[in-house]
Amino acid sequence: MTHTLTFRRPVPGAERSASGWHLTWQGTAVMGILNVTPDSFSDGGRHAPLPAALAAARSMLEAGVLFLDVGGESTRPGAEPVPAAAELDRVLPLIRALADSGVVISVDTMKPEVAHEALKAGAHLINDVTGLRDPEMIRVCIQAGAPACLMHMQGEPRTMQLHPHYDDVVSEVHGWLRAQAQAALAAGVPDALLDPGIGFGKTLEHNLALLRALPDLTAGPHPVLVAASRKRLIDFIARVPDPADRDPGTLAVHLHAARHGAAVVRAHAAGAHVQALRVQSALGQAGVH
């Protein structure tokens, strides 16, 4: 399956046309997670020093990731927000250092001011866990010519896992994502990735229902990103309390997502994902960039 994401700014590997820059790939690409936070749920503090972050980035690039997702604020359940200035201090040095590396840089942020500065520094894509709920985030994307990854989240990180409830989780999440994407594109955002938000305001049953219903979402006009890396659903299913030990379960979920049309999977163990997806592709299943 071929996937395309459109930008209105130069992007590594993209082809230019009259309507912008079009990044195209076959099968399922990998977005490597590069958190520069002290409190992320599985790798907090590990990549906070810039040399460590750059070493991790080089390793992922050598493995063959298409995207690197840089985050400076934890969105784990119960996480407290951080000031924009602190988030910028964490992400900007890394984005600037990666700007000429030939990788598509995504910035994982809920704050328009962080998104604006990150795009100025060399990022290409906004990964917003609130799904562009803030009109100012939409304006930032339009002005910079940057597409966005729209994620569904019920509530906000501090409270999202207290009492998640849906009458029909699949129809509600898919309907919200499609409506948000339609509104964003109508406003002038170049393009959108859709993320059902595994683990963000959902129970285990909600997460499983969304994963089983991926063919409905991936059949639509927008590429779909699945991000289950090291999340609690793997502990609930396989009894793995330590997030660092959940990579095998993560691979199982993401290979399922690839088989059902996901354009991107977002992962901590990025190199292992590239390898597994290439093997799956050779076996006649979904591919990888």
Protein backbone atom coordinates (compact mmCIF):
# COMPACT_ATOMS: atom_id res chain seq x y z
CA MET A 1 0.00 0.00 0.00
CA THR A 2 1.27 3.48 -0.90
CA HIS A 3 0.92 6.37 1.53
CA THR A 4 1.45 10.08 0.95
CA LEU A 5 1.72 13.05 3.29
CA THR A 6 1.65 16.56 1.84
CA PHE A 7 3.65 19.52 3.15
CA ARG A 8 3.92 23.13 2.05
CA ARG A 9 7.56 23.34 3.08
CA PRO A 10 10.69 21.44 1.98
CA VAL A 11 10.93 17.98 3.51
CA PRO A 12 13.69 15.35 3.21
CA GLY A 13 12.79 12.73 0.62
CA ALA A 14 9.68 14.54 -0.62
CA GLU A 15 8.92 15.41 -4.24
CA ARG A 16 7.87 18.95 -5.09
CA SER A 17 4.82 19.77 -7.18
CA ALA A 18 2.64 22.81 -7.74
CA SER A 19 0.63 21.93 -4.64
CA GLY A 20 3.55 21.34 -2.26
CA TRP A 21 6.01 18.65 -1.23
CA HIS A 22 4.69 15.08 -1.25
CA LEU A 23 6.34 12.47 0.95
CA THR A 24 5.47 9.00 -0.35
CA TRP A 25 6.31 5.58 1.06
CA GLN A 26 5.27 1.98 0.67
CA GLY A 27 3.73 -0.05 3.47
CA THR A 28 4.29 0.86 7.10
CA ALA A 29 6.96 3.40 8.06
CA VAL A 30 8.51 3.67 11.52
CA MET A 31 8.46 6.82 13.64
CA GLY A 32 11.21 6.56 16.24
CA ILE A 33 10.42 8.04 19.67
CA LEU A 34 13.03 10.44 21.02
CA ASN A 35 11.87 11.79 24.38
CA VAL A 36 14.06 14.45 25.97
CA THR A 37 12.06 14.49 29.19
CA PRO A 38 12.99 13.53 32.75
CA ASP A 39 9.68 11.78 33.45
CA SER A 40 8.43 9.87 30.39
CA PHE A 41 6.93 6.55 31.43
CA SER A 42 9.53 4.22 29.90
CA ASP A 43 12.61 6.27 28.98
CA GLY A 44 12.50 9.34 31.22
CA GLY A 45 15.90 11.00 31.46
CA ARG A 46 17.61 8.54 29.15
CA HIS A 47 17.92 10.99 26.24
CA ALA A 48 17.94 14.26 28.19
CA PRO A 49 21.66 15.04 27.60
CA LEU A 50 22.06 16.18 23.97
CA PRO A 51 24.90 13.75 23.14
CA ALA A 52 22.76 10.81 24.31
CA ALA A 53 19.80 12.04 22.27
CA LEU A 54 21.93 12.44 19.15
CA ALA A 55 23.42 8.96 19.59
CA ALA A 56 19.91 7.49 19.84
CA ALA A 57 18.84 9.47 16.77
CA ARG A 58 21.81 8.21 14.75
CA SER A 59 21.00 4.63 15.72
CA MET A 60 17.40 5.01 14.57
CA LEU A 61 18.44 6.68 11.32
CA GLU A 62 20.88 3.90 10.56
CA ALA A 63 18.11 1.37 11.22
CA GLY A 64 15.91 3.03 8.60
CA VAL A 65 13.20 5.06 10.34
CA LEU A 66 11.31 7.58 8.19
CA PHE A 67 10.34 9.92 11.06
CA LEU A 68 11.87 10.96 14.38
CA ASP A 69 9.38 12.21 16.97
CA VAL A 70 10.96 14.62 19.47
CA GLY A 71 9.08 15.21 22.70
CA GLY A 72 9.80 17.57 25.58
CA GLU A 73 6.75 17.03 27.80
CA SER A 74 5.48 13.73 29.16
CA THR A 75 1.88 12.83 28.32
CA ARG A 76 1.78 9.67 30.44
CA PRO A 77 -1.34 9.22 32.59
CA GLY A 78 -1.18 11.62 35.51
CA ALA A 79 1.59 13.74 34.01
CA GLU A 80 1.77 17.37 35.09
CA PRO A 81 2.18 20.03 32.40
CA VAL A 82 5.49 21.86 32.03
CA PRO A 83 6.01 25.52 31.04
CA ALA A 84 6.55 26.22 27.36
CA ALA A 85 10.00 27.67 28.08
CA ALA A 86 11.15 24.43 29.71
CA GLU A 87 9.76 22.35 26.86
CA LEU A 88 11.52 24.56 24.31
CA ASP A 89 14.81 24.31 26.20
CA ARG A 90 14.55 20.52 25.89
CA VAL A 91 13.54 20.15 22.25
CA LEU A 92 15.10 23.03 20.30
CA PRO A 93 18.80 22.04 20.65
CA LEU A 94 17.98 18.53 19.42
CA ILE A 95 15.81 19.70 16.53
CA ARG A 96 18.51 22.13 15.39
CA ALA A 97 21.15 19.40 15.60
CA LEU A 98 18.98 17.06 13.51
CA ALA A 99 17.82 19.63 10.97
CA ASP A 100 20.31 18.54 8.28
CA SER A 101 20.22 14.81 9.03
CA GLY A 102 17.85 13.90 6.20
CA VAL A 103 15.07 12.62 8.48
CA VAL A 104 11.53 13.94 8.78
CA ILE A 105 11.29 15.53 12.24
CA SER A 106 8.05 15.46 14.16
CA VAL A 107 7.58 17.44 17.36
CA ASP A 108 5.27 15.96 19.99
CA THR A 109 3.64 18.96 21.66
CA MET A 110 0.28 20.36 22.76
CA LYS A 111 1.50 23.97 22.85
CA PRO A 112 1.22 26.28 19.82
CA GLU A 113 4.23 28.34 20.92
CA VAL A 114 6.38 25.22 21.11
CA ALA A 115 5.12 24.02 17.74
CA HIS A 116 5.88 27.42 16.18
CA GLU A 117 9.46 27.54 17.45
CA ALA A 118 10.10 23.88 16.66
CA LEU A 119 8.99 24.35 13.05
CA LYS A 120 11.23 27.44 12.78
CA ALA A 121 14.15 25.37 14.11
CA GLY A 122 13.75 22.66 11.46
CA ALA A 123 10.88 20.35 12.42
CA HIS A 124 8.46 19.34 9.67
CA LEU A 125 5.42 17.77 11.31
CA ILE A 126 3.34 18.49 14.44
CA ASN A 127 2.25 15.53 16.57
CA ASP A 128 -0.55 16.92 18.75
CA VAL A 129 -2.11 14.55 21.29
CA THR A 130 -5.06 16.94 21.59
CA GLY A 131 -5.82 16.61 17.87
CA LEU A 132 -5.64 20.35 17.04
CA ARG A 133 -8.36 21.27 19.51
CA ASP A 134 -6.61 24.63 19.99
CA PRO A 135 -7.35 26.96 17.03
CA GLU A 136 -3.95 28.56 17.53
CA MET A 137 -2.28 25.21 16.77
CA ILE A 138 -4.20 25.11 13.49
CA ARG A 139 -2.92 28.59 12.64
CA VAL A 140 0.67 27.54 13.41
CA CYS A 141 0.39 24.57 11.04
CA ILE A 142 -1.15 26.70 8.29
CA GLN A 143 1.46 29.44 8.55
CA ALA A 144 4.36 26.96 8.53
CA GLY A 145 2.87 24.71 5.84
CA ALA A 146 3.15 21.74 8.19
CA PRO A 147 0.77 18.79 8.39
CA ALA A 148 -0.28 17.41 11.76
CA CYS A 149 -0.81 14.08 13.40
CA LEU A 150 -4.25 14.30 15.00
CA MET A 151 -4.63 12.03 18.00
CA HIS A 152 -7.84 11.24 19.85
CA MET A 153 -7.72 11.68 23.61
CA GLN A 154 -10.67 11.71 25.99
CA GLY A 155 -9.89 14.36 28.60
CA GLU A 156 -6.30 15.42 29.27
CA PRO A 157 -3.21 13.53 30.49
CA ARG A 158 -3.67 14.20 34.21
CA THR A 159 -7.19 12.71 34.32
CA MET A 160 -7.73 10.75 31.10
CA GLN A 161 -7.52 7.31 32.71
CA LEU A 162 -9.79 7.96 35.69
CA HIS A 163 -13.17 7.05 34.19
CA PRO A 164 -13.01 6.70 30.38
CA HIS A 165 -16.46 6.03 28.90
CA TYR A 166 -17.89 5.64 25.40
CA ASP A 167 -21.24 4.45 24.11
CA ASP A 168 -19.49 3.16 20.96
CA VAL A 169 -15.74 3.70 21.10
CA VAL A 170 -15.04 2.87 17.45
CA SER A 171 -17.69 5.10 15.92
CA GLU A 172 -16.98 7.94 18.35
CA VAL A 173 -13.19 7.91 17.92
CA HIS A 174 -13.23 7.39 14.15
CA GLY A 175 -15.96 9.99 13.69
CA TRP A 176 -14.09 12.56 15.76
CA LEU A 177 -10.82 11.97 13.90
CA ARG A 178 -12.46 12.28 10.49
CA ALA A 179 -14.28 15.45 11.49
CA GLN A 180 -11.12 17.01 12.92
CA ALA A 181 -9.14 16.17 9.79
CA GLN A 182 -11.83 17.58 7.54
CA ALA A 183 -11.96 20.81 9.55
CA ALA A 184 -8.16 21.14 9.62
CA LEU A 185 -7.80 20.68 5.88
CA ALA A 186 -10.69 23.04 5.18
CA ALA A 187 -8.91 25.67 7.30
CA GLY A 188 -5.69 25.25 5.31
CA VAL A 189 -3.60 22.66 7.15
CA PRO A 190 -1.77 20.80 4.34
CA ASP A 191 -2.52 17.25 5.48
CA ALA A 192 -3.25 15.03 8.46
CA LEU A 193 -2.24 11.72 9.96
CA LEU A 194 -4.90 10.09 12.14
CA ASP A 195 -4.01 8.42 15.45
CA PRO A 196 -6.76 6.61 17.42
CA GLY A 197 -4.90 7.36 20.66
CA ILE A 198 -4.27 3.95 22.15
CA GLY A 199 -4.09 4.35 25.93
CA PHE A 200 -5.30 7.95 25.98
CA GLY A 201 -8.59 7.96 27.82
CA LYS A 202 -9.37 4.31 27.02
CA THR A 203 -9.74 1.05 28.91
CA LEU A 204 -8.18 -2.21 27.72
CA GLU A 205 -11.49 -3.12 26.04
CA HIS A 206 -11.61 0.25 24.27
CA ASN A 207 -8.04 -0.17 23.02
CA LEU A 208 -8.68 -3.67 21.73
CA ALA A 209 -11.85 -2.58 19.96
CA LEU A 210 -9.97 0.22 18.20
CA LEU A 211 -7.13 -2.07 17.17
CA ARG A 212 -9.58 -4.63 15.79
CA ALA A 213 -11.40 -1.88 13.89
CA LEU A 214 -8.30 -0.49 12.17
CA PRO A 215 -9.46 -1.60 8.69
CA ASP A 216 -12.36 0.85 8.99
CA LEU A 217 -10.03 3.76 9.78
CA THR A 218 -7.27 2.87 7.31
CA ALA A 219 -9.82 2.53 4.49
CA GLY A 220 -10.33 6.30 4.61
CA PRO A 221 -8.44 9.03 2.75
CA HIS A 222 -5.95 9.85 5.52
CA PRO A 223 -2.87 7.85 6.54
CA VAL A 224 -3.16 6.29 9.99
CA LEU A 225 -0.54 6.20 12.76
CA VAL A 226 -0.68 3.61 15.54
CA ALA A 227 1.27 4.24 18.75
CA ALA A 228 1.07 1.43 21.28
CA SER A 229 4.73 1.35 22.24
CA ARG A 230 5.28 -0.06 25.75
CA LYS A 231 1.79 0.98 26.87
CA ARG A 232 -0.22 -0.46 29.73
CA LEU A 233 -2.49 -2.53 27.50
CA ILE A 234 0.49 -4.86 26.99
CA ASP A 235 0.81 -5.27 30.75
CA PHE A 236 -2.93 -5.94 31.06
CA ILE A 237 -2.77 -8.61 28.34
CA ALA A 238 0.63 -10.22 28.99
CA ARG A 239 1.43 -9.28 32.62
CA VAL A 240 4.52 -7.17 31.94
CA PRO A 241 4.67 -4.49 34.67
CA ASP A 242 7.96 -2.90 33.58
CA PRO A 243 7.46 -0.74 30.45
CA ALA A 244 11.04 -1.45 29.33
CA ASP A 245 10.12 -5.14 28.95
CA ARG A 246 7.10 -4.55 26.69
CA ASP A 247 8.83 -4.38 23.29
CA PRO A 248 7.77 -7.90 22.21
CA GLY A 249 4.13 -7.07 22.94
CA THR A 250 4.56 -3.73 21.20
CA LEU A 251 5.84 -5.49 18.09
CA ALA A 252 2.83 -7.81 18.10
CA VAL A 253 0.42 -4.87 18.20
CA HIS A 254 2.29 -2.90 15.55
CA LEU A 255 2.63 -5.85 13.16
CA HIS A 256 -1.15 -6.28 13.50
CA ALA A 257 -1.54 -2.58 12.68
CA ALA A 258 0.69 -2.91 9.63
CA ARG A 259 -1.29 -5.88 8.34
CA HIS A 260 -4.42 -3.78 8.60
CA GLY A 261 -3.17 -0.76 6.70
CA ALA A 262 -1.40 1.50 9.20
CA ALA A 263 0.87 3.96 7.42
CA VAL A 264 3.11 4.62 10.44
CA VAL A 265 3.88 2.96 13.76
CA ARG A 266 5.49 5.01 16.52
CA ALA A 267 7.97 3.02 18.59
CA HIS A 268 10.72 3.20 21.19
CA ALA A 269 12.51 0.10 19.79
CA ALA A 270 12.61 1.62 16.32
CA GLY A 271 15.33 -0.59 14.86
CA ALA A 272 13.56 -3.78 15.90
CA HIS A 273 10.40 -2.48 14.26
CA VAL A 274 12.11 -1.74 10.96
CA GLN A 275 13.57 -5.26 10.96
CA ALA A 276 10.28 -6.96 11.85
CA LEU A 277 8.29 -5.00 9.27
CA ARG A 278 10.81 -5.83 6.54
CA VAL A 279 10.52 -9.52 7.34
CA GLN A 280 6.73 -9.27 7.38
CA SER A 281 6.87 -7.52 4.00
CA ALA A 282 9.00 -10.31 2.53
CA LEU A 283 6.40 -12.80 3.72
CA GLY A 284 3.79 -11.01 1.67
CA GLN A 285 2.25 -8.86 4.38
CA ALA A 286 2.55 -5.10 5.01
CA GLY A 287 5.79 -3.33 4.10
CA VAL A 288 8.06 -0.68 5.48
CA HIS A 289 9.77 2.42 4.13
